[in-house]
């Protein structure tokens, strides 16, 4: 699972299955989009304004059996994220003014 956050767009993309391609996108809410593969399984989740839209993840987890870790991550902190973030087994990339921060 990888997290990519853009400070310019205030958008977070959670890459669940990096090796799979996106076949279609489903709108859970105006601020939460889920990318699905050809088998209709989630490969990624986009949260617009994650500090407010992270609650929509409960809807996503109710539809698809995903790692409950998704609900535990502190999405509320993304707008102020200018420091390193650690996530077990994950990579976080933060785009800020053309620069990117990668944390493994």
PDB file of N, CA and C in Angstrom:
ATOM      1  N   UNK A   1       0.854  -1.165   0.000  1.00  0.00           N
ATOM      2  CA  UNK A   1       0.000   0.000   0.000  1.00  0.00           C
ATOM      3  C   UNK A   1       0.902   1.230   0.000  1.00  0.00           C
ATOM      4  N   UNK A   2       0.642   2.140  -0.936  1.00  0.00           N
ATOM      5  CA  UNK A   2       1.417   3.366  -1.049  1.00  0.00           C
ATOM      6  C   UNK A   2       0.483   4.562  -0.944  1.00  0.00           C
ATOM      7  N   UNK A   3       0.980   5.643  -0.357  1.00  0.00           N
ATOM      8  CA  UNK A   3       0.214   6.868  -0.200  1.00  0.00           C
ATOM      9  C   UNK A   3       0.929   7.973  -0.974  1.00  0.00           C
ATOM     10  N   UNK A   4       0.207   8.691  -1.837  1.00  0.00           N
ATOM     11  CA  UNK A   4       0.759   9.820  -2.569  1.00  0.00           C
ATOM     12  C   UNK A   4      -0.131  11.028  -2.326  1.00  0.00           C
ATOM     13  N   UNK A   5       0.434  12.079  -1.749  1.00  0.00           N
ATOM     14  CA  UNK A   5      -0.334  13.265  -1.399  1.00  0.00           C
ATOM     15  C   UNK A   5       0.195  14.485  -2.131  1.00  0.00           C
ATOM     16  N   UNK A   6      -0.713  15.265  -2.703  1.00  0.00           N
ATOM     17  CA  UNK A   6      -0.357  16.513  -3.365  1.00  0.00           C
ATOM     18  C   UNK A   6      -0.849  17.667  -2.506  1.00  0.00           C
ATOM     19  N   UNK A   7       0.076  18.513  -2.037  1.00  0.00           N
ATOM     20  CA  UNK A   7      -0.326  19.668  -1.245  1.00  0.00           C
ATOM     21  C   UNK A   7      -1.031  20.699  -2.120  1.00  0.00           C
ATOM     22  N   UNK A   8      -0.631  20.794  -3.385  1.00  0.00           N
ATOM     23  CA  UNK A   8      -1.246  21.771  -4.284  1.00  0.00           C
ATOM     24  C   UNK A   8      -2.722  21.455  -4.519  1.00  0.00           C
ATOM     25  N   UNK A   9      -3.047  20.188  -4.688  1.00  0.00           N
ATOM     26  CA  UNK A   9      -4.429  19.774  -4.949  1.00  0.00           C
ATOM     27  C   UNK A   9      -5.167  19.377  -3.678  1.00  0.00           C
ATOM     28  N   UNK A  10      -4.452  19.224  -2.586  1.00  0.00           N
ATOM     29  CA  UNK A  10      -4.999  18.683  -1.339  1.00  0.00           C
ATOM     30  C   UNK A  10      -5.743  17.387  -1.652  1.00  0.00           C
ATOM     31  N   UNK A  11      -5.016  16.482  -2.308  1.00  0.00           N
ATOM     32  CA  UNK A  11      -5.587  15.201  -2.716  1.00  0.00           C
ATOM     33  C   UNK A  11      -4.621  14.084  -2.338  1.00  0.00           C
ATOM     34  N   UNK A  12      -5.186  13.000  -1.885  1.00  0.00           N
ATOM     35  CA  UNK A  12      -4.412  11.832  -1.478  1.00  0.00           C
ATOM     36  C   UNK A  12      -4.821  10.653  -2.332  1.00  0.00           C
ATOM     37  N   UNK A  13      -3.831   9.932  -2.865  1.00  0.00           N
ATOM     38  CA  UNK A  13      -4.116   8.703  -3.595  1.00  0.00           C
ATOM     39  C   UNK A  13      -3.507   7.550  -2.805  1.00  0.00           C
ATOM     40  N   UNK A  14      -4.353   6.569  -2.489  1.00  0.00           N
ATOM     41  CA  UNK A  14      -3.907   5.373  -1.782  1.00  0.00           C
ATOM     42  C   UNK A  14      -3.831   4.259  -2.817  1.00  0.00           C
ATOM     43  N   UNK A  15      -2.619   3.868  -3.140  1.00  0.00           N
ATOM     44  CA  UNK A  15      -2.395   2.821  -4.134  1.00  0.00           C
ATOM     45  C   UNK A  15      -2.427   1.474  -3.427  1.00  0.00           C
ATOM     46  N   UNK A  16      -3.472   0.707  -3.670  1.00  0.00           N
ATOM     47  CA  UNK A  16      -3.650  -0.575  -2.993  1.00  0.00           C
ATOM     48  C   UNK A  16      -2.943  -1.715  -3.718  1.00  0.00           C
ATOM     49  N   UNK A  17      -3.035  -1.720  -5.034  1.00  0.00           N
ATOM     50  CA  UNK A  17      -2.466  -2.788  -5.863  1.00  0.00           C
ATOM     51  C   UNK A  17      -1.657  -2.163  -6.997  1.00  0.00           C
ATOM     52  N   UNK A  18      -0.393  -1.814  -6.750  1.00  0.00           N
ATOM     53  CA  UNK A  18       0.391  -1.090  -7.760  1.00  0.00           C
ATOM     54  C   UNK A  18       0.602  -1.852  -9.072  1.00  0.00           C
ATOM     55  N   UNK A  19       0.541  -3.176  -9.023  1.00  0.00           N
ATOM     56  CA  UNK A  19       0.805  -3.965 -10.223  1.00  0.00           C
ATOM     57  C   UNK A  19      -0.426  -4.124 -11.115  1.00  0.00           C
ATOM     58  N   UNK A  20      -1.597  -3.718 -10.647  1.00  0.00           N
ATOM     59  CA  UNK A  20      -2.827  -3.873 -11.432  1.00  0.00           C
ATOM     60  C   UNK A  20      -3.210  -2.555 -12.092  1.00  0.00           C
ATOM     61  N   UNK A  21      -3.878  -2.661 -13.253  1.00  0.00           N
ATOM     62  CA  UNK A  21      -4.306  -1.456 -13.960  1.00  0.00           C
ATOM     63  C   UNK A  21      -5.770  -1.145 -13.658  1.00  0.00           C
ATOM     64  N   UNK A  22      -6.107   0.101 -13.840  1.00  0.00           N
ATOM     65  CA  UNK A  22      -7.451   0.587 -13.543  1.00  0.00           C
ATOM     66  C   UNK A  22      -8.360   0.353 -14.746  1.00  0.00           C
ATOM     67  N   UNK A  23      -9.498  -0.292 -14.514  1.00  0.00           N
ATOM     68  CA  UNK A  23     -10.478  -0.521 -15.570  1.00  0.00           C
ATOM     69  C   UNK A  23     -11.597   0.523 -15.526  1.00  0.00           C
ATOM     70  N   UNK A  24     -11.962   0.938 -14.303  1.00  0.00           N
ATOM     71  CA  UNK A  24     -13.002   1.958 -14.158  1.00  0.00           C
ATOM     72  C   UNK A  24     -12.897   2.604 -12.776  1.00  0.00           C
ATOM     73  N   UNK A  25     -13.574   3.722 -12.619  1.00  0.00           N
ATOM     74  CA  UNK A  25     -13.569   4.456 -11.356  1.00  0.00           C
ATOM     75  C   UNK A  25     -15.004   4.614 -10.864  1.00  0.00           C
ATOM     76  N   UNK A  26     -15.187   4.384  -9.566  1.00  0.00           N
ATOM     77  CA  UNK A  26     -16.497   4.505  -8.934  1.00  0.00           C
ATOM     78  C   UNK A  26     -16.455   5.675  -7.958  1.00  0.00           C
ATOM     79  N   UNK A  27     -17.485   6.521  -7.995  1.00  0.00           N
ATOM     80  CA  UNK A  27     -17.566   7.645  -7.062  1.00  0.00           C
ATOM     81  C   UNK A  27     -18.348   7.210  -5.829  1.00  0.00           C
ATOM     82  N   UNK A  28     -17.673   7.183  -4.687  1.00  0.00           N
ATOM     83  CA  UNK A  28     -18.320   6.875  -3.423  1.00  0.00           C
ATOM     84  C   UNK A  28     -18.997   8.132  -2.886  1.00  0.00           C
ATOM     85  N   UNK A  29     -18.332   9.257  -3.058  1.00  0.00           N
ATOM     86  CA  UNK A  29     -18.857  10.575  -2.723  1.00  0.00           C
ATOM     87  C   UNK A  29     -18.108  11.558  -3.625  1.00  0.00           C
ATOM     88  N   UNK A  30     -18.504  12.828  -3.655  1.00  0.00           N
ATOM     89  CA  UNK A  30     -17.769  13.782  -4.495  1.00  0.00           C
ATOM     90  C   UNK A  30     -16.288  13.908  -4.112  1.00  0.00           C
ATOM     91  N   UNK A  31     -15.930  13.500  -2.898  1.00  0.00           N
ATOM     92  CA  UNK A  31     -14.536  13.605  -2.448  1.00  0.00           C
ATOM     93  C   UNK A  31     -13.843  12.264  -2.317  1.00  0.00           C
ATOM     94  N   UNK A  32     -14.489  11.186  -2.725  1.00  0.00           N
ATOM     95  CA  UNK A  32     -13.890   9.854  -2.588  1.00  0.00           C
ATOM     96  C   UNK A  32     -14.173   9.023  -3.842  1.00  0.00           C
ATOM     97  N   UNK A  33     -13.099   8.669  -4.551  1.00  0.00           N
ATOM     98  CA  UNK A  33     -13.195   7.884  -5.777  1.00  0.00           C
ATOM     99  C   UNK A  33     -12.395   6.603  -5.603  1.00  0.00           C
ATOM    100  N   UNK A  34     -12.936   5.503  -6.110  1.00  0.00           N
ATOM    101  CA  UNK A  34     -12.256   4.217  -6.003  1.00  0.00           C
ATOM    102  C   UNK A  34     -11.973   3.699  -7.409  1.00  0.00           C
ATOM    103  N   UNK A  35     -10.702   3.412  -7.688  1.00  0.00           N
ATOM    104  CA  UNK A  35     -10.298   2.805  -8.951  1.00  0.00           C
ATOM    105  C   UNK A  35     -10.408   1.296  -8.825  1.00  0.00           C
ATOM    106  N   UNK A  36     -11.056   0.666  -9.817  1.00  0.00           N
ATOM    107  CA  UNK A  36     -11.260  -0.780  -9.800  1.00  0.00           C
ATOM    108  C   UNK A  36     -10.544  -1.433 -10.970  1.00  0.00           C
ATOM    109  N   UNK A  37     -10.133  -2.685 -10.783  1.00  0.00           N
ATOM    110  CA  UNK A  37      -9.546  -3.452 -11.876  1.00  0.00           C
ATOM    111  C   UNK A  37     -10.675  -4.118 -12.662  1.00  0.00           C
ATOM    112  N   UNK A  38     -10.318  -4.973 -13.610  1.00  0.00           N
ATOM    113  CA  UNK A  38     -11.322  -5.631 -14.437  1.00  0.00           C
ATOM    114  C   UNK A  38     -12.219  -6.578 -13.654  1.00  0.00           C
ATOM    115  N   UNK A  39     -11.759  -7.049 -12.494  1.00  0.00           N
ATOM    116  CA  UNK A  39     -12.561  -7.936 -11.640  1.00  0.00           C
ATOM    117  C   UNK A  39     -13.366  -7.145 -10.606  1.00  0.00           C
ATOM    118  N   UNK A  40     -13.434  -5.821 -10.788  1.00  0.00           N
ATOM    119  CA  UNK A  40     -14.134  -4.914  -9.865  1.00  0.00           C
ATOM    120  C   UNK A  40     -13.584  -4.950  -8.448  1.00  0.00           C
ATOM    121  N   UNK A  41     -12.281  -5.141  -8.328  1.00  0.00           N
ATOM    122  CA  UNK A  41     -11.604  -5.084  -7.038  1.00  0.00           C
ATOM    123  C   UNK A  41     -10.817  -3.776  -6.956  1.00  0.00           C
ATOM    124  N   UNK A  42     -10.803  -3.124  -5.808  1.00  0.00           N
ATOM    125  CA  UNK A  42     -10.109  -1.836  -5.674  1.00  0.00           C
ATOM    126  C   UNK A  42      -8.602  -1.948  -5.879  1.00  0.00           C
ATOM    127  N   UNK A  43      -8.074  -1.037  -6.687  1.00  0.00           N
ATOM    128  CA  UNK A  43      -6.628  -0.932  -6.877  1.00  0.00           C
ATOM    129  C   UNK A  43      -6.106   0.392  -6.338  1.00  0.00           C
ATOM    130  N   UNK A  44      -7.021   1.350  -6.107  1.00  0.00           N
ATOM    131  CA  UNK A  44      -6.617   2.641  -5.571  1.00  0.00           C
ATOM    132  C   UNK A  44      -7.809   3.449  -5.109  1.00  0.00           C
ATOM    133  N   UNK A  45      -7.544   4.364  -4.180  1.00  0.00           N
ATOM    134  CA  UNK A  45      -8.582   5.234  -3.633  1.00  0.00           C
ATOM    135  C   UNK A  45      -8.048   6.660  -3.656  1.00  0.00           C
ATOM    136  N   UNK A  46      -8.848   7.580  -4.195  1.00  0.00           N
ATOM    137  CA  UNK A  46      -8.470   8.993  -4.175  1.00  0.00           C
ATOM    138  C   UNK A  46      -9.370   9.734  -3.207  1.00  0.00           C
ATOM    139  N   UNK A  47      -8.763  10.492  -2.322  1.00  0.00           N
ATOM    140  CA  UNK A  47      -9.492  11.326  -1.372  1.00  0.00           C
ATOM    141  C   UNK A  47      -9.171  12.782  -1.665  1.00  0.00           C
ATOM    142  N   UNK A  48     -10.184  13.550  -2.015  1.00  0.00           N
ATOM    143  CA  UNK A  48     -10.023  14.983  -2.218  1.00  0.00           C
ATOM    144  C   UNK A  48     -10.262  15.643  -0.862  1.00  0.00           C
ATOM    145  N   UNK A  49      -9.353  16.490  -0.435  1.00  0.00           N
ATOM    146  CA  UNK A  49      -9.401  17.086   0.904  1.00  0.00           C
ATOM    147  C   UNK A  49      -9.459  15.965   1.952  1.00  0.00           C
ATOM    148  N   UNK A  50      -8.402  15.166   2.060  1.00  0.00           N
ATOM    149  CA  UNK A  50      -8.432  13.998   2.943  1.00  0.00           C
ATOM    150  C   UNK A  50      -8.721  14.302   4.403  1.00  0.00           C
ATOM    151  N   UNK A  51      -8.446  15.519   4.844  1.00  0.00           N
ATOM    152  CA  UNK A  51      -8.743  15.835   6.241  1.00  0.00           C
ATOM    153  C   UNK A  51     -10.245  15.795   6.515  1.00  0.00           C
ATOM    154  N   UNK A  52     -11.045  15.970   5.459  1.00  0.00           N
ATOM    155  CA  UNK A  52     -12.503  15.912   5.625  1.00  0.00           C
ATOM    156  C   UNK A  52     -13.105  14.656   5.011  1.00  0.00           C
ATOM    157  N   UNK A  53     -12.501  14.122   3.961  1.00  0.00           N
ATOM    158  CA  UNK A  53     -13.114  12.999   3.242  1.00  0.00           C
ATOM    159  C   UNK A  53     -12.683  11.636   3.753  1.00  0.00           C
ATOM    160  N   UNK A  54     -11.755  11.570   4.703  1.00  0.00           N
ATOM    161  CA  UNK A  54     -11.295  10.270   5.180  1.00  0.00           C
ATOM    162  C   UNK A  54     -12.434   9.444   5.779  1.00  0.00           C
ATOM    163  N   UNK A  55     -13.484  10.085   6.266  1.00  0.00           N
ATOM    164  CA  UNK A  55     -14.618   9.341   6.829  1.00  0.00           C
ATOM    165  C   UNK A  55     -15.323   8.501   5.768  1.00  0.00           C
ATOM    166  N   UNK A  56     -15.181   8.881   4.493  1.00  0.00           N
ATOM    167  CA  UNK A  56     -15.776   8.099   3.410  1.00  0.00           C
ATOM    168  C   UNK A  56     -15.132   6.722   3.267  1.00  0.00           C
ATOM    169  N   UNK A  57     -13.952   6.545   3.853  1.00  0.00           N
ATOM    170  CA  UNK A  57     -13.303   5.240   3.786  1.00  0.00           C
ATOM    171  C   UNK A  57     -14.126   4.153   4.479  1.00  0.00           C
ATOM    172  N   UNK A  58     -14.935   4.535   5.447  1.00  0.00           N
ATOM    173  CA  UNK A  58     -15.792   3.532   6.096  1.00  0.00           C
ATOM    174  C   UNK A  58     -16.782   2.953   5.091  1.00  0.00           C
ATOM    175  N   UNK A  59     -17.245   3.773   4.147  1.00  0.00           N
ATOM    176  CA  UNK A  59     -18.135   3.288   3.084  1.00  0.00           C
ATOM    177  C   UNK A  59     -17.390   2.343   2.158  1.00  0.00           C
ATOM    178  N   UNK A  60     -16.144   2.692   1.840  1.00  0.00           N
ATOM    179  CA  UNK A  60     -15.333   1.859   0.947  1.00  0.00           C
ATOM    180  C   UNK A  60     -15.086   0.497   1.589  1.00  0.00           C
ATOM    181  N   UNK A  61     -14.698   0.489   2.857  1.00  0.00           N
ATOM    182  CA  UNK A  61     -14.418  -0.763   3.571  1.00  0.00           C
ATOM    183  C   UNK A  61     -15.696  -1.587   3.751  1.00  0.00           C
ATOM    184  N   UNK A  62     -16.849  -0.924   3.821  1.00  0.00           N
ATOM    185  CA  UNK A  62     -18.114  -1.657   3.929  1.00  0.00           C
ATOM    186  C   UNK A  62     -18.463  -2.368   2.623  1.00  0.00           C
ATOM    187  N   UNK A  63     -18.021  -1.819   1.499  1.00  0.00           N
ATOM    188  CA  UNK A  63     -18.315  -2.418   0.192  1.00  0.00           C
ATOM    189  C   UNK A  63     -17.307  -3.507  -0.163  1.00  0.00           C
ATOM    190  N   UNK A  64     -16.013  -3.225   0.064  1.00  0.00           N
ATOM    191  CA  UNK A  64     -14.950  -4.165  -0.284  1.00  0.00           C
ATOM    192  C   UNK A  64     -14.183  -4.555   0.973  1.00  0.00           C
ATOM    193  N   UNK A  65     -13.831  -5.827   1.103  1.00  0.00           N
ATOM    194  CA  UNK A  65     -13.045  -6.254   2.274  1.00  0.00           C
ATOM    195  C   UNK A  65     -11.588  -5.808   2.135  1.00  0.00           C
ATOM    196  N   UNK A  66     -11.275  -4.667   2.698  1.00  0.00           N
ATOM    197  CA  UNK A  66      -9.923  -4.112   2.612  1.00  0.00           C
ATOM    198  C   UNK A  66      -9.257  -4.133   3.976  1.00  0.00           C
ATOM    199  N   UNK A  67      -7.983  -3.903   3.959  1.00  0.00           N
ATOM    200  CA  UNK A  67      -7.187  -3.855   5.173  1.00  0.00           C
ATOM    201  C   UNK A  67      -7.753  -2.800   6.132  1.00  0.00           C
ATOM    202  N   UNK A  68      -8.093  -3.171   7.352  1.00  0.00           N
ATOM    203  CA  UNK A  68      -8.628  -2.196   8.301  1.00  0.00           C
ATOM    204  C   UNK A  68      -7.633  -1.091   8.653  1.00  0.00           C
ATOM    205  N   UNK A  69      -6.357  -1.280   8.317  1.00  0.00           N
ATOM    206  CA  UNK A  69      -5.339  -0.244   8.521  1.00  0.00           C
ATOM    207  C   UNK A  69      -5.737   1.051   7.820  1.00  0.00           C
ATOM    208  N   UNK A  70      -6.504   0.934   6.730  1.00  0.00           N
ATOM    209  CA  UNK A  70      -6.954   2.124   6.016  1.00  0.00           C
ATOM    210  C   UNK A  70      -7.701   3.086   6.930  1.00  0.00           C
ATOM    211  N   UNK A  71      -8.449   2.553   7.871  1.00  0.00           N
ATOM    212  CA  UNK A  71      -9.244   3.393   8.765  1.00  0.00           C
ATOM    213  C   UNK A  71      -8.426   3.961   9.925  1.00  0.00           C
ATOM    214  N   UNK A  72      -7.253   3.399  10.171  1.00  0.00           N
ATOM    215  CA  UNK A  72      -6.437   3.826  11.305  1.00  0.00           C
ATOM    216  C   UNK A  72      -5.428   4.907  10.940  1.00  0.00           C
ATOM    217  N   UNK A  73      -5.106   5.076   9.660  1.00  0.00           N
ATOM    218  CA  UNK A  73      -4.099   6.037   9.251  1.00  0.00           C
ATOM    219  C   UNK A  73      -4.601   7.460   9.521  1.00  0.00           C
ATOM    220  N   UNK A  74      -3.750   8.376   9.970  1.00  0.00           N
ATOM    221  CA  UNK A  74      -4.194   9.745  10.334  1.00  0.00           C
ATOM    222  C   UNK A  74      -4.350  10.664   9.125  1.00  0.00           C
ATOM    223  N   UNK A  75      -5.386  10.448   8.327  1.00  0.00           N
ATOM    224  CA  UNK A  75      -5.617  11.252   7.127  1.00  0.00           C
ATOM    225  C   UNK A  75      -5.853  12.726   7.459  1.00  0.00           C
ATOM    226  N   UNK A  76      -6.357  12.996   8.665  1.00  0.00           N
ATOM    227  CA  UNK A  76      -6.622  14.371   9.057  1.00  0.00           C
ATOM    228  C   UNK A  76      -5.369  15.225   9.030  1.00  0.00           C
ATOM    229  N   UNK A  77      -4.202  14.610   9.140  1.00  0.00           N
ATOM    230  CA  UNK A  77      -2.958  15.368   9.225  1.00  0.00           C
ATOM    231  C   UNK A  77      -2.369  15.713   7.866  1.00  0.00           C
ATOM    232  N   UNK A  78      -2.933  15.224   6.773  1.00  0.00           N
ATOM    233  CA  UNK A  78      -2.304  15.455   5.476  1.00  0.00           C
ATOM    234  C   UNK A  78      -2.193  16.917   5.064  1.00  0.00           C
ATOM    235  N   UNK A  79      -3.161  17.786   5.274  1.00  0.00           N
ATOM    236  CA  UNK A  79      -2.966  19.177   4.844  1.00  0.00           C
ATOM    237  C   UNK A  79      -1.775  19.863   5.497  1.00  0.00           C
ATOM    238  N   UNK A  80      -1.398  19.462   6.681  1.00  0.00           N
ATOM    239  CA  UNK A  80      -0.261  20.092   7.348  1.00  0.00           C
ATOM    240  C   UNK A  80       0.995  19.239   7.251  1.00  0.00           C
ATOM    241  N   UNK A  81       0.990  18.276   6.362  1.00  0.00           N
ATOM    242  CA  UNK A  81       2.094  17.327   6.276  1.00  0.00           C
ATOM    243  C   UNK A  81       3.311  17.958   5.602  1.00  0.00           C
ATOM    244  N   UNK A  82       4.307  18.262   6.379  1.00  0.00           N
ATOM    245  CA  UNK A  82       5.572  18.764   5.848  1.00  0.00           C
ATOM    246  C   UNK A  82       6.716  18.037   6.540  1.00  0.00           C
ATOM    247  N   UNK A  83       6.399  16.935   7.162  1.00  0.00           N
ATOM    248  CA  UNK A  83       7.395  16.155   7.881  1.00  0.00           C
ATOM    249  C   UNK A  83       7.297  14.716   7.414  1.00  0.00           C
ATOM    250  N   UNK A  84       8.229  13.921   7.802  1.00  0.00           N
ATOM    251  CA  UNK A  84       8.195  12.532   7.374  1.00  0.00           C
ATOM    252  C   UNK A  84       7.076  11.781   8.080  1.00  0.00           C
ATOM    253  N   UNK A  85       6.532  10.836   7.395  1.00  0.00           N
ATOM    254  CA  UNK A  85       5.464  10.008   7.918  1.00  0.00           C
ATOM    255  C   UNK A  85       5.896   8.576   7.735  1.00  0.00           C
ATOM    256  N   UNK A  86       5.698   7.762   8.732  1.00  0.00           N
ATOM    257  CA  UNK A  86       6.047   6.360   8.570  1.00  0.00           C
ATOM    258  C   UNK A  86       4.778   5.533   8.573  1.00  0.00           C
ATOM    259  N   UNK A  87       4.755   4.553   7.725  1.00  0.00           N
ATOM    260  CA  UNK A  87       3.625   3.632   7.652  1.00  0.00           C
ATOM    261  C   UNK A  87       4.225   2.260   7.375  1.00  0.00           C
ATOM    262  N   UNK A  88       3.955   1.330   8.218  1.00  0.00           N
ATOM    263  CA  UNK A  88       4.552   0.006   8.106  1.00  0.00           C
ATOM    264  C   UNK A  88       4.249  -0.602   6.750  1.00  0.00           C
ATOM    265  N   UNK A  89       5.295  -0.971   6.038  1.00  0.00           N
ATOM    266  CA  UNK A  89       5.148  -1.607   4.741  1.00  0.00           C
ATOM    267  C   UNK A  89       4.600  -0.688   3.667  1.00  0.00           C
ATOM    268  N   UNK A  90       4.697   0.613   3.844  1.00  0.00           N
ATOM    269  CA  UNK A  90       4.129   1.553   2.889  1.00  0.00           C
ATOM    270  C   UNK A  90       5.154   2.606   2.512  1.00  0.00           C
ATOM    271  N   UNK A  91       4.838   3.320   1.454  1.00  0.00           N
ATOM    272  CA  UNK A  91       5.654   4.446   1.022  1.00  0.00           C
ATOM    273  C   UNK A  91       4.736   5.657   1.001  1.00  0.00           C
ATOM    274  N   UNK A  92       5.221   6.775   1.468  1.00  0.00           N
ATOM    275  CA  UNK A  92       4.451   8.016   1.412  1.00  0.00           C
ATOM    276  C   UNK A  92       5.218   8.984   0.537  1.00  0.00           C
ATOM    277  N   UNK A  93       4.549   9.542  -0.450  1.00  0.00           N
ATOM    278  CA  UNK A  93       5.158  10.556  -1.297  1.00  0.00           C
ATOM    279  C   UNK A  93       4.355  11.833  -1.112  1.00  0.00           C
ATOM    280  N   UNK A  94       5.052  12.917  -0.848  1.00  0.00           N
ATOM    281  CA  UNK A  94       4.368  14.192  -0.676  1.00  0.00           C
ATOM    282  C   UNK A  94       4.918  15.169  -1.715  1.00  0.00           C
ATOM    283  N   UNK A  95       4.018  15.689  -2.538  1.00  0.00           N
ATOM    284  CA  UNK A  95       4.401  16.648  -3.553  1.00  0.00           C
ATOM    285  C   UNK A  95       4.127  18.039  -3.000  1.00  0.00           C
ATOM    286  N   UNK A  96       5.142  18.879  -2.970  1.00  0.00           N
ATOM    287  CA  UNK A  96       4.977  20.229  -2.435  1.00  0.00           C
ATOM    288  C   UNK A  96       5.806  21.190  -3.279  1.00  0.00           C
ATOM    289  N   UNK A  97       5.144  21.995  -4.070  1.00  0.00           N
ATOM    290  CA  UNK A  97       5.838  22.977  -4.882  1.00  0.00           C
ATOM    291  C   UNK A  97       6.832  22.359  -5.851  1.00  0.00           C
ATOM    292  N   UNK A  98       6.463  21.272  -6.470  1.00  0.00           N
ATOM    293  CA  UNK A  98       7.338  20.621  -7.426  1.00  0.00           C
ATOM    294  C   UNK A  98       8.313  19.651  -6.783  1.00  0.00           C
ATOM    295  N   UNK A  99       8.489  19.716  -5.485  1.00  0.00           N
ATOM    296  CA  UNK A  99       9.393  18.786  -4.794  1.00  0.00           C
ATOM    297  C   UNK A  99       8.589  17.598  -4.287  1.00  0.00           C
ATOM    298  N   UNK A 100       9.227  16.517  -4.121  1.00  0.00           N
ATOM    299  CA  UNK A 100       8.548  15.317  -3.651  1.00  0.00           C
ATOM    300  C   UNK A 100       9.291  14.737  -2.474  1.00  0.00           C
ATOM    301  N   UNK A 101       8.581  14.361  -1.454  1.00  0.00           N
ATOM    302  CA  UNK A 101       9.169  13.702  -0.294  1.00  0.00           C
ATOM    303  C   UNK A 101       8.730  12.259  -0.324  1.00  0.00           C
ATOM    304  N   UNK A 102       9.678  11.360  -0.272  1.00  0.00           N
ATOM    305  CA  UNK A 102       9.361   9.933  -0.251  1.00  0.00           C
ATOM    306  C   UNK A 102       9.836   9.355   1.049  1.00  0.00           C
ATOM    307  N   UNK A 103       8.973   8.640   1.701  1.00  0.00           N
ATOM    308  CA  UNK A 103       9.316   7.998   2.958  1.00  0.00           C
ATOM    309  C   UNK A 103       9.017   6.525   2.823  1.00  0.00           C
ATOM    310  N   UNK A 104       9.974   5.700   3.142  1.00  0.00           N
ATOM    311  CA  UNK A 104       9.752   4.252   3.062  1.00  0.00           C
ATOM    312  C   UNK A 104       9.502   3.688   4.422  1.00  0.00           C
TER     313      UNK A 104
END
